[in-house]
PDB file of all heavy atoms in Angstrom:
ATOM      1  N   THR A   1      -8.887  -2.675   1.133  1.00  0.00           N
ATOM      2  CA  THR A   1      -9.443  -2.999  -0.180  1.00  0.00           C
ATOM      3  C   THR A   1     -10.879  -3.496  -0.013  1.00  0.00           C
ATOM      4  O   THR A   1     -11.147  -4.315   0.865  1.00  0.00           O
ATOM      5  CB  THR A   1      -8.628  -4.116  -0.868  1.00  0.00           C
ATOM      6  OG1 THR A   1      -7.269  -3.696  -0.927  1.00  0.00           O
ATOM      7  CG2 THR A   1      -9.137  -4.438  -2.254  1.00  0.00           C
ATOM      8  N   VAL A   2     -11.796  -2.989  -0.836  1.00  0.00           N
ATOM      9  CA  VAL A   2     -13.169  -3.430  -0.822  1.00  0.00           C
ATOM     10  C   VAL A   2     -13.528  -3.900  -2.238  1.00  0.00           C
ATOM     11  O   VAL A   2     -13.219  -3.227  -3.225  1.00  0.00           O
ATOM     12  CB  VAL A   2     -14.147  -2.300  -0.395  1.00  0.00           C
ATOM     13  CG1 VAL A   2     -15.604  -2.780  -0.474  1.00  0.00           C
ATOM     14  CG2 VAL A   2     -13.821  -1.849   1.018  1.00  0.00           C
ATOM     15  N   MET A   3     -14.145  -5.085  -2.317  1.00  0.00           N
ATOM     16  CA  MET A   3     -14.603  -5.637  -3.610  1.00  0.00           C
ATOM     17  C   MET A   3     -16.107  -5.869  -3.535  1.00  0.00           C
ATOM     18  O   MET A   3     -16.623  -6.288  -2.501  1.00  0.00           O
ATOM     19  CB  MET A   3     -13.918  -6.980  -3.915  1.00  0.00           C
ATOM     20  CG  MET A   3     -12.442  -6.858  -4.186  1.00  0.00           C
ATOM     21  SD  MET A   3     -11.698  -8.450  -4.596  1.00  0.00           S
ATOM     22  CE  MET A   3     -12.377  -8.754  -6.201  1.00  0.00           C
ATOM     23  N   TRP A   4     -16.799  -5.608  -4.651  1.00  0.00           N
ATOM     24  CA  TRP A   4     -18.237  -5.881  -4.744  1.00  0.00           C
ATOM     25  C   TRP A   4     -18.571  -6.174  -6.186  1.00  0.00           C
ATOM     26  O   TRP A   4     -17.868  -5.781  -7.113  1.00  0.00           O
ATOM     27  CB  TRP A   4     -19.070  -4.741  -4.202  1.00  0.00           C
ATOM     28  CG  TRP A   4     -19.032  -3.498  -5.022  1.00  0.00           C
ATOM     29  CD1 TRP A   4     -19.939  -3.096  -5.974  1.00  0.00           C
ATOM     30  CD2 TRP A   4     -18.038  -2.455  -5.004  1.00  0.00           C
ATOM     31  NE1 TRP A   4     -19.585  -1.903  -6.524  1.00  0.00           N
ATOM     32  CE2 TRP A   4     -18.411  -1.495  -5.953  1.00  0.00           C
ATOM     33  CE3 TRP A   4     -16.869  -2.271  -4.285  1.00  0.00           C
ATOM     34  CZ2 TRP A   4     -17.665  -0.336  -6.196  1.00  0.00           C
ATOM     35  CZ3 TRP A   4     -16.124  -1.116  -4.521  1.00  0.00           C
ATOM     36  CH2 TRP A   4     -16.526  -0.184  -5.446  1.00  0.00           C
ATOM     37  N   LYS A   5     -19.677  -6.905  -6.377  1.00  0.00           N
ATOM     38  CA  LYS A   5     -20.126  -7.264  -7.720  1.00  0.00           C
ATOM     39  C   LYS A   5     -20.734  -6.047  -8.393  1.00  0.00           C
ATOM     40  O   LYS A   5     -21.582  -5.364  -7.824  1.00  0.00           O
ATOM     41  CB  LYS A   5     -21.135  -8.405  -7.674  1.00  0.00           C
ATOM     42  CG  LYS A   5     -21.485  -8.889  -9.041  1.00  0.00           C
ATOM     43  CD  LYS A   5     -22.292 -10.159  -9.000  1.00  0.00           C
ATOM     44  CE  LYS A   5     -22.557 -10.588 -10.434  1.00  0.00           C
ATOM     45  NZ  LYS A   5     -22.850 -11.961 -10.545  1.00  0.00           N
ATOM     46  N   ASP A   6     -20.283  -5.748  -9.598  1.00  0.00           N
ATOM     47  CA  ASP A   6     -20.776  -4.626 -10.370  1.00  0.00           C
ATOM     48  C   ASP A   6     -22.081  -5.058 -11.032  1.00  0.00           C
ATOM     49  O   ASP A   6     -22.092  -5.643 -12.098  1.00  0.00           O
ATOM     50  CB  ASP A   6     -19.744  -4.207 -11.427  1.00  0.00           C
ATOM     51  CG  ASP A   6     -20.042  -2.853 -12.035  1.00  0.00           C
ATOM     52  OD1 ASP A   6     -20.898  -2.137 -11.475  1.00  0.00           O
ATOM     53  OD2 ASP A   6     -19.429  -2.521 -13.052  1.00  0.00           O
ATOM     54  N   ALA A   7     -23.205  -4.798 -10.363  1.00  0.00           N
ATOM     55  CA  ALA A   7     -24.516  -5.232 -10.848  1.00  0.00           C
ATOM     56  C   ALA A   7     -25.456  -4.043 -10.820  1.00  0.00           C
ATOM     57  O   ALA A   7     -25.114  -2.933 -10.389  1.00  0.00           O
ATOM     58  CB  ALA A   7     -25.034  -6.345  -9.948  1.00  0.00           C
ATOM     59  N   GLY A   8     -26.664  -4.276 -11.284  1.00  0.00           N
ATOM     60  CA  GLY A   8     -27.682  -3.225 -11.329  1.00  0.00           C
ATOM     61  C   GLY A   8     -28.057  -2.716  -9.949  1.00  0.00           C
ATOM     62  O   GLY A   8     -27.762  -3.337  -8.923  1.00  0.00           O
ATOM     63  N   ALA A   9     -28.708  -1.557  -9.949  1.00  0.00           N
ATOM     64  CA  ALA A   9     -29.073  -0.904  -8.689  1.00  0.00           C
ATOM     65  C   ALA A   9     -30.033  -1.749  -7.856  1.00  0.00           C
ATOM     66  O   ALA A   9     -30.079  -1.643  -6.644  1.00  0.00           O
ATOM     67  CB  ALA A   9     -29.684   0.448  -8.971  1.00  0.00           C
ATOM     68  N   ASP A  10     -30.813  -2.630  -8.513  1.00  0.00           N
ATOM     69  CA  ASP A  10     -31.780  -3.441  -7.777  1.00  0.00           C
ATOM     70  C   ASP A  10     -31.206  -4.788  -7.321  1.00  0.00           C
ATOM     71  O   ASP A  10     -31.882  -5.551  -6.631  1.00  0.00           O
ATOM     72  CB  ASP A  10     -33.024  -3.689  -8.634  1.00  0.00           C
ATOM     73  CG  ASP A  10     -32.692  -4.369  -9.961  1.00  0.00           C
ATOM     74  OD1 ASP A  10     -31.508  -4.337 -10.370  1.00  0.00           O
ATOM     75  OD2 ASP A  10     -33.625  -4.917 -10.569  1.00  0.00           O
ATOM     76  N   ALA A  11     -29.969  -5.075  -7.665  1.00  0.00           N
ATOM     77  CA  ALA A  11     -29.336  -6.317  -7.263  1.00  0.00           C
ATOM     78  C   ALA A  11     -28.951  -6.284  -5.798  1.00  0.00           C
ATOM     79  O   ALA A  11     -28.658  -5.206  -5.251  1.00  0.00           O
ATOM     80  CB  ALA A  11     -28.092  -6.579  -8.109  1.00  0.00           C
ATOM     81  N   PRO A  12     -28.918  -7.426  -5.121  1.00  0.00           N
ATOM     82  CA  PRO A  12     -28.493  -7.448  -3.714  1.00  0.00           C
ATOM     83  C   PRO A  12     -27.059  -6.957  -3.586  1.00  0.00           C
ATOM     84  O   PRO A  12     -26.224  -7.237  -4.446  1.00  0.00           O
ATOM     85  CB  PRO A  12     -28.589  -8.915  -3.321  1.00  0.00           C
ATOM     86  CG  PRO A  12     -29.310  -9.612  -4.411  1.00  0.00           C
ATOM     87  CD  PRO A  12     -29.278  -8.747  -5.613  1.00  0.00           C
ATOM     88  N   TYR A  13     -26.794  -6.230  -2.525  1.00  0.00           N
ATOM     89  CA  TYR A  13     -25.465  -5.665  -2.316  1.00  0.00           C
ATOM     90  C   TYR A  13     -24.660  -6.551  -1.396  1.00  0.00           C
ATOM     91  O   TYR A  13     -25.121  -6.917  -0.313  1.00  0.00           O
ATOM     92  CB  TYR A  13     -25.592  -4.268  -1.716  1.00  0.00           C
ATOM     93  CG  TYR A  13     -24.277  -3.601  -1.455  1.00  0.00           C
ATOM     94  CD1 TYR A  13     -23.534  -3.068  -2.489  1.00  0.00           C
ATOM     95  CD2 TYR A  13     -23.751  -3.543  -0.175  1.00  0.00           C
ATOM     96  CE1 TYR A  13     -22.320  -2.457  -2.263  1.00  0.00           C
ATOM     97  CE2 TYR A  13     -22.542  -2.935   0.086  1.00  0.00           C
ATOM     98  CZ  TYR A  13     -21.833  -2.392  -0.970  1.00  0.00           C
ATOM     99  OH  TYR A  13     -20.614  -1.805  -0.740  1.00  0.00           O
ATOM    100  N   ALA A  14     -23.485  -6.918  -1.810  1.00  0.00           N
ATOM    101  CA  ALA A  14     -22.574  -7.690  -0.971  1.00  0.00           C
ATOM    102  C   ALA A  14     -21.152  -7.243  -1.305  1.00  0.00           C
ATOM    103  O   ALA A  14     -20.817  -7.018  -2.457  1.00  0.00           O
ATOM    104  CB  ALA A  14     -22.720  -9.176  -1.238  1.00  0.00           C
ATOM    105  N   SER A  15     -20.349  -7.111  -0.276  1.00  0.00           N
ATOM    106  CA  SER A  15     -18.969  -6.692  -0.491  1.00  0.00           C
ATOM    107  C   SER A  15     -18.070  -7.464   0.471  1.00  0.00           C
ATOM    108  O   SER A  15     -18.531  -8.062   1.430  1.00  0.00           O
ATOM    109  CB  SER A  15     -18.809  -5.182  -0.255  1.00  0.00           C
ATOM    110  OG  SER A  15     -19.045  -4.879   1.089  1.00  0.00           O
ATOM    111  N   SER A  16     -16.783  -7.413   0.159  1.00  0.00           N
ATOM    112  CA  SER A  16     -15.811  -7.992   1.065  1.00  0.00           C
ATOM    113  C   SER A  16     -14.674  -6.992   1.234  1.00  0.00           C
ATOM    114  O   SER A  16     -14.336  -6.258   0.309  1.00  0.00           O
ATOM    115  CB  SER A  16     -15.284  -9.331   0.567  1.00  0.00           C
ATOM    116  OG  SER A  16     -14.723  -9.185  -0.711  1.00  0.00           O
ATOM    117  N   ARG A  17     -14.106  -6.975   2.418  1.00  0.00           N
ATOM    118  CA  ARG A  17     -13.042  -6.033   2.721  1.00  0.00           C
ATOM    119  C   ARG A  17     -11.827  -6.802   3.196  1.00  0.00           C
ATOM    120  O   ARG A  17     -11.943  -7.755   3.965  1.00  0.00           O
ATOM    121  CB  ARG A  17     -13.480  -5.065   3.806  1.00  0.00           C
ATOM    122  CG  ARG A  17     -12.399  -4.098   4.185  1.00  0.00           C
ATOM    123  CD  ARG A  17     -12.881  -3.117   5.229  1.00  0.00           C
ATOM    124  NE  ARG A  17     -11.824  -2.206   5.570  1.00  0.00           N
ATOM    125  CZ  ARG A  17     -11.784  -1.527   6.697  1.00  0.00           C
ATOM    126  NH1 ARG A  17     -12.748  -1.640   7.564  1.00  0.00           N
ATOM    127  NH2 ARG A  17     -10.786  -0.716   6.933  1.00  0.00           N
ATOM    128  N   VAL A  18     -10.678  -6.341   2.742  1.00  0.00           N
ATOM    129  CA  VAL A  18      -9.404  -6.927   3.167  1.00  0.00           C
ATOM    130  C   VAL A  18      -8.491  -5.773   3.616  1.00  0.00           C
ATOM    131  O   VAL A  18      -8.390  -4.770   2.935  1.00  0.00           O
ATOM    132  CB  VAL A  18      -8.717  -7.697   2.004  1.00  0.00           C
ATOM    133  CG1 VAL A  18      -7.354  -8.188   2.428  1.00  0.00           C
ATOM    134  CG2 VAL A  18      -9.596  -8.823   1.527  1.00  0.00           C
ATOM    135  N   ARG A  19      -7.864  -5.972   4.760  1.00  0.00           N
ATOM    136  CA  ARG A  19      -6.881  -5.008   5.243  1.00  0.00           C
ATOM    137  C   ARG A  19      -5.587  -5.760   5.412  1.00  0.00           C
ATOM    138  O   ARG A  19      -5.545  -6.869   5.966  1.00  0.00           O
ATOM    139  CB  ARG A  19      -7.302  -4.395   6.566  1.00  0.00           C
ATOM    140  CG  ARG A  19      -8.529  -3.508   6.418  1.00  0.00           C
ATOM    141  CD  ARG A  19      -8.894  -2.837   7.700  1.00  0.00           C
ATOM    142  NE  ARG A  19      -9.223  -3.831   8.715  1.00  0.00           N
ATOM    143  CZ  ARG A  19      -9.451  -3.555   9.974  1.00  0.00           C
ATOM    144  NH1 ARG A  19      -9.389  -2.324  10.396  1.00  0.00           N
ATOM    145  NH2 ARG A  19      -9.773  -4.511  10.833  1.00  0.00           N
ATOM    146  N   VAL A  20      -4.507  -5.140   4.940  1.00  0.00           N
ATOM    147  CA  VAL A  20      -3.194  -5.772   5.048  1.00  0.00           C
ATOM    148  C   VAL A  20      -2.119  -4.669   5.148  1.00  0.00           C
ATOM    149  O   VAL A  20      -2.304  -3.592   4.601  1.00  0.00           O
ATOM    150  CB  VAL A  20      -2.914  -6.713   3.845  1.00  0.00           C
ATOM    151  CG1 VAL A  20      -2.852  -5.953   2.545  1.00  0.00           C
ATOM    152  CG2 VAL A  20      -1.681  -7.536   4.057  1.00  0.00           C
ATOM    153  N   SER A  21      -1.055  -4.983   5.818  1.00  0.00           N
ATOM    154  CA  SER A  21       0.057  -4.058   5.933  1.00  0.00           C
ATOM    155  C   SER A  21       1.217  -4.588   5.095  1.00  0.00           C
ATOM    156  O   SER A  21       1.619  -5.741   5.261  1.00  0.00           O
ATOM    157  CB  SER A  21       0.473  -3.923   7.402  1.00  0.00           C
ATOM    158  OG  SER A  21       1.293  -2.801   7.573  1.00  0.00           O
ATOM    159  N   LEU A  22       1.703  -3.750   4.173  1.00  0.00           N
ATOM    160  CA  LEU A  22       2.777  -4.160   3.264  1.00  0.00           C
ATOM    161  C   LEU A  22       4.022  -3.325   3.500  1.00  0.00           C
ATOM    162  O   LEU A  22       3.935  -2.115   3.647  1.00  0.00           O
ATOM    163  CB  LEU A  22       2.343  -3.962   1.796  1.00  0.00           C
ATOM    164  CG  LEU A  22       1.103  -4.693   1.321  1.00  0.00           C
ATOM    165  CD1 LEU A  22       0.742  -4.226  -0.086  1.00  0.00           C
ATOM    166  CD2 LEU A  22       1.349  -6.190   1.349  1.00  0.00           C
ATOM    167  N   LYS A  23       5.166  -3.987   3.488  1.00  0.00           N
ATOM    168  CA  LYS A  23       6.433  -3.263   3.533  1.00  0.00           C
ATOM    169  C   LYS A  23       6.707  -2.721   2.128  1.00  0.00           C
ATOM    170  O   LYS A  23       6.214  -3.263   1.134  1.00  0.00           O
ATOM    171  CB  LYS A  23       7.559  -4.210   3.944  1.00  0.00           C
ATOM    172  CG  LYS A  23       7.400  -4.684   5.366  1.00  0.00           C
ATOM    173  CD  LYS A  23       8.511  -5.592   5.777  1.00  0.00           C
ATOM    174  CE  LYS A  23       8.128  -6.070   7.156  1.00  0.00           C
ATOM    175  NZ  LYS A  23       9.042  -6.515   8.006  1.00  0.00           N
ATOM    176  N   PRO A  24       7.489  -1.644   2.004  1.00  0.00           N
ATOM    177  CA  PRO A  24       7.833  -1.135   0.687  1.00  0.00           C
ATOM    178  C   PRO A  24       8.410  -2.242  -0.202  1.00  0.00           C
ATOM    179  O   PRO A  24       9.242  -3.037   0.239  1.00  0.00           O
ATOM    180  CB  PRO A  24       8.878  -0.052   0.976  1.00  0.00           C
ATOM    181  CG  PRO A  24       8.504   0.438   2.349  1.00  0.00           C
ATOM    182  CD  PRO A  24       8.066  -0.817   3.081  1.00  0.00           C
ATOM    183  N   GLY A  25       7.876  -2.350  -1.433  1.00  0.00           N
ATOM    184  CA  GLY A  25       8.301  -3.389  -2.351  1.00  0.00           C
ATOM    185  C   GLY A  25       7.467  -4.651  -2.272  1.00  0.00           C
ATOM    186  O   GLY A  25       7.563  -5.513  -3.155  1.00  0.00           O
ATOM    187  N   GLN A  26       6.653  -4.805  -1.250  1.00  0.00           N
ATOM    188  CA  GLN A  26       5.797  -5.978  -1.139  1.00  0.00           C
ATOM    189  C   GLN A  26       4.496  -5.776  -1.917  1.00  0.00           C
ATOM    190  O   GLN A  26       4.047  -4.662  -2.122  1.00  0.00           O
ATOM    191  CB  GLN A  26       5.442  -6.296   0.315  1.00  0.00           C
ATOM    192  CG  GLN A  26       6.515  -6.954   1.101  1.00  0.00           C
ATOM    193  CD  GLN A  26       6.048  -7.379   2.478  1.00  0.00           C
ATOM    194  OE1 GLN A  26       5.292  -6.674   3.124  1.00  0.00           O
ATOM    195  NE2 GLN A  26       6.554  -8.520   2.918  1.00  0.00           N
ATOM    196  N   MET A  27       3.896  -6.906  -2.299  1.00  0.00           N
ATOM    197  CA  MET A  27       2.665  -6.874  -3.082  1.00  0.00           C
ATOM    198  C   MET A  27       1.666  -7.851  -2.484  1.00  0.00           C
ATOM    199  O   MET A  27       2.051  -8.920  -2.001  1.00  0.00           O
ATOM    200  CB  MET A  27       2.975  -7.263  -4.538  1.00  0.00           C
ATOM    201  CG  MET A  27       1.780  -7.219  -5.450  1.00  0.00           C
ATOM    202  SD  MET A  27       2.207  -7.527  -7.179  1.00  0.00           S
ATOM    203  CE  MET A  27       2.654  -9.250  -7.122  1.00  0.00           C
ATOM    204  N   VAL A  28       0.391  -7.489  -2.538  1.00  0.00           N
ATOM    205  CA  VAL A  28      -0.679  -8.398  -2.140  1.00  0.00           C
ATOM    206  C   VAL A  28      -1.482  -8.715  -3.410  1.00  0.00           C
ATOM    207  O   VAL A  28      -1.688  -7.848  -4.257  1.00  0.00           O
ATOM    208  CB  VAL A  28      -1.588  -7.806  -1.043  1.00  0.00           C
ATOM    209  CG1 VAL A  28      -2.334  -6.568  -1.517  1.00  0.00           C
ATOM    210  CG2 VAL A  28      -2.579  -8.839  -0.526  1.00  0.00           C
ATOM    211  N   GLN A  29      -1.870  -9.971  -3.561  1.00  0.00           N
ATOM    212  CA  GLN A  29      -2.629 -10.428  -4.715  1.00  0.00           C
ATOM    213  C   GLN A  29      -4.112 -10.461  -4.332  1.00  0.00           C
ATOM    214  O   GLN A  29      -4.466 -11.085  -3.323  1.00  0.00           O
ATOM    215  CB  GLN A  29      -2.163 -11.829  -5.123  1.00  0.00           C
ATOM    216  CG  GLN A  29      -2.440 -12.194  -6.527  1.00  0.00           C
ATOM    217  CD  GLN A  29      -1.526 -11.497  -7.516  1.00  0.00           C
ATOM    218  OE1 GLN A  29      -0.454 -11.014  -7.167  1.00  0.00           O
ATOM    219  NE2 GLN A  29      -1.960 -11.438  -8.740  1.00  0.00           N
ATOM    220  N   VAL A  30      -4.973  -9.817  -5.105  1.00  0.00           N
ATOM    221  CA  VAL A  30      -6.411  -9.797  -4.892  1.00  0.00           C
ATOM    222  C   VAL A  30      -7.041 -10.610  -6.013  1.00  0.00           C
ATOM    223  O   VAL A  30      -6.893 -10.261  -7.183  1.00  0.00           O
ATOM    224  CB  VAL A  30      -6.966  -8.349  -4.887  1.00  0.00           C
ATOM    225  CG1 VAL A  30      -8.469  -8.358  -4.688  1.00  0.00           C
ATOM    226  CG2 VAL A  30      -6.284  -7.522  -3.827  1.00  0.00           C
ATOM    227  N   ASP A  31      -7.698 -11.699  -5.633  1.00  0.00           N
ATOM    228  CA  ASP A  31      -8.291 -12.592  -6.631  1.00  0.00           C
ATOM    229  C   ASP A  31      -9.756 -12.248  -6.883  1.00  0.00           C
ATOM    230  O   ASP A  31     -10.490 -11.965  -5.955  1.00  0.00           O
ATOM    231  CB  ASP A  31      -8.213 -14.052  -6.191  1.00  0.00           C
ATOM    232  CG  ASP A  31      -6.771 -14.542  -6.107  1.00  0.00           C
ATOM    233  OD1 ASP A  31      -5.941 -14.020  -6.858  1.00  0.00           O
ATOM    234  OD2 ASP A  31      -6.509 -15.422  -5.303  1.00  0.00           O
ATOM    235  N   GLY A  32     -10.113 -12.251  -8.164  1.00  0.00           N
ATOM    236  CA  GLY A  32     -11.492 -12.037  -8.569  1.00  0.00           C
ATOM    237  C   GLY A  32     -12.065 -13.295  -9.156  1.00  0.00           C
ATOM    238  O   GLY A  32     -11.464 -14.374  -9.070  1.00  0.00           O
TER     239      GLY A  32
END
């Protein structure tokens, strides 16, 4: 999963990445 701020083309770019392994039926919560 990659998250980044939805801003204008001239705004500084920053993102965060999360990798996780889930078993079937499991869920990961991504906070904004």
